[in-house]
Amino acid sequence: MILGFDFADDKKIARELLRENAATFPTILDSSQAATLVGCHDYKRTGVPLNYILDARHQVVDAGYGYEQGHQRALAALKKAGLKLDE
């Protein structure tokens, strides 16, 4: 499952970006002070996007900032998490 959490952007801008990229995963859009504290303090986010990949036991397999052309790091982490990918 993929879940987005955007506490840093204006909701209108974030929705437009999600729509332009045909994102189908649920995303929390909340730039309130409380959400910012959760994002920065509890999840230790200092930039966006921060991506976490979890295994079936909900353990973090990999985490990283930004977008990578070809998604090689994400694909390697998904395999490490036990997901069988079509080559």
Protein backbone atom coordinates (compact mmCIF):
# COMPACT_ATOMS: atom_id res chain seq x y z
CA MET A 1 0.00 0.00 0.00
CA ILE A 2 1.16 3.50 -0.75
CA LEU A 3 0.02 6.40 1.40
CA GLY A 4 1.00 10.02 0.87
CA PHE A 5 1.36 12.60 3.63
CA ASP A 6 1.98 16.17 2.51
CA PHE A 7 2.29 18.70 5.30
CA ALA A 8 4.48 21.16 3.39
CA ASP A 9 2.46 22.26 0.38
CA ASP A 10 -0.63 24.31 -0.32
CA LYS A 11 -3.55 21.90 -0.77
CA LYS A 12 -4.50 23.33 -4.18
CA ILE A 13 -0.95 22.93 -5.53
CA ALA A 14 -0.62 19.43 -4.06
CA ARG A 15 -3.94 18.28 -5.54
CA GLU A 16 -2.92 19.63 -8.95
CA LEU A 17 0.40 17.78 -8.81
CA LEU A 18 -1.31 14.53 -7.78
CA ARG A 19 -3.84 14.93 -10.60
CA GLU A 20 -1.16 15.75 -13.21
CA ASN A 21 0.77 12.62 -12.23
CA ALA A 22 -2.35 10.43 -12.12
CA ALA A 23 -1.65 9.44 -8.50
CA THR A 24 -4.22 6.94 -7.31
CA PHE A 25 -2.97 6.35 -3.77
CA PRO A 26 -4.62 8.06 -0.79
CA THR A 27 -2.83 11.21 0.33
CA ILE A 28 -3.22 13.22 3.50
CA LEU A 29 -3.00 16.94 2.69
CA ASP A 30 -2.66 18.86 5.90
CA SER A 31 -0.39 21.87 6.36
CA SER A 32 -1.67 22.74 9.83
CA GLN A 33 0.82 23.38 12.60
CA ALA A 34 -0.11 20.06 14.22
CA ALA A 35 0.55 18.10 11.00
CA THR A 36 3.83 19.94 10.44
CA LEU A 37 4.95 18.98 13.95
CA VAL A 38 4.07 15.34 13.29
CA GLY A 39 5.89 15.38 9.95
CA CYS A 40 9.01 17.11 11.21
CA HIS A 41 9.23 15.69 14.73
CA ASP A 42 7.59 12.26 14.69
CA TYR A 43 8.60 11.25 11.15
CA LYS A 44 11.80 13.32 11.09
CA ARG A 45 11.04 14.73 7.64
CA THR A 46 13.12 17.67 6.56
CA GLY A 47 12.18 17.66 2.89
CA VAL A 48 9.66 16.31 0.43
CA PRO A 49 9.04 13.87 -0.94
CA LEU A 50 10.32 11.42 1.64
CA ASN A 51 9.59 7.86 0.68
CA TYR A 52 9.44 4.89 3.03
CA ILE A 53 9.26 1.29 1.88
CA LEU A 54 8.00 -1.16 4.50
CA ASP A 55 8.01 -4.93 4.49
CA ALA A 56 5.05 -7.15 5.44
CA ARG A 57 5.95 -6.76 9.15
CA HIS A 58 5.83 -2.95 8.77
CA GLN A 59 9.59 -2.62 9.21
CA VAL A 60 11.33 0.13 7.22
CA VAL A 61 13.36 -1.46 4.42
CA ASP A 62 14.48 1.82 2.86
CA ALA A 63 13.80 5.54 3.07
CA GLY A 64 14.97 8.37 0.88
CA TYR A 65 14.20 11.83 -0.38
CA GLY A 66 13.15 12.85 -3.83
CA TYR A 67 12.50 11.22 -7.15
CA GLU A 68 14.89 8.95 -9.03
CA GLN A 69 14.58 8.38 -12.77
CA GLY A 70 13.88 4.69 -13.33
CA HIS A 71 13.14 4.06 -9.64
CA GLN A 72 16.09 1.63 -9.27
CA ARG A 73 16.52 2.23 -5.54
CA ALA A 74 12.79 1.77 -4.90
CA LEU A 75 12.67 -1.40 -7.01
CA ALA A 76 15.64 -2.87 -5.09
CA ALA A 77 13.96 -2.02 -1.78
CA LEU A 78 10.66 -3.57 -2.89
CA LYS A 79 12.49 -6.78 -3.79
CA LYS A 80 14.26 -6.69 -0.42
CA ALA A 81 10.85 -6.32 1.23
CA GLY A 82 9.78 -9.56 -0.45
CA LEU A 83 7.71 -8.26 -3.35
CA LYS A 84 8.07 -10.28 -6.53
CA LEU A 85 8.42 -7.87 -9.46
CA ASP A 86 8.04 -8.54 -13.16
CA GLU A 87 11.40 -7.96 -14.83
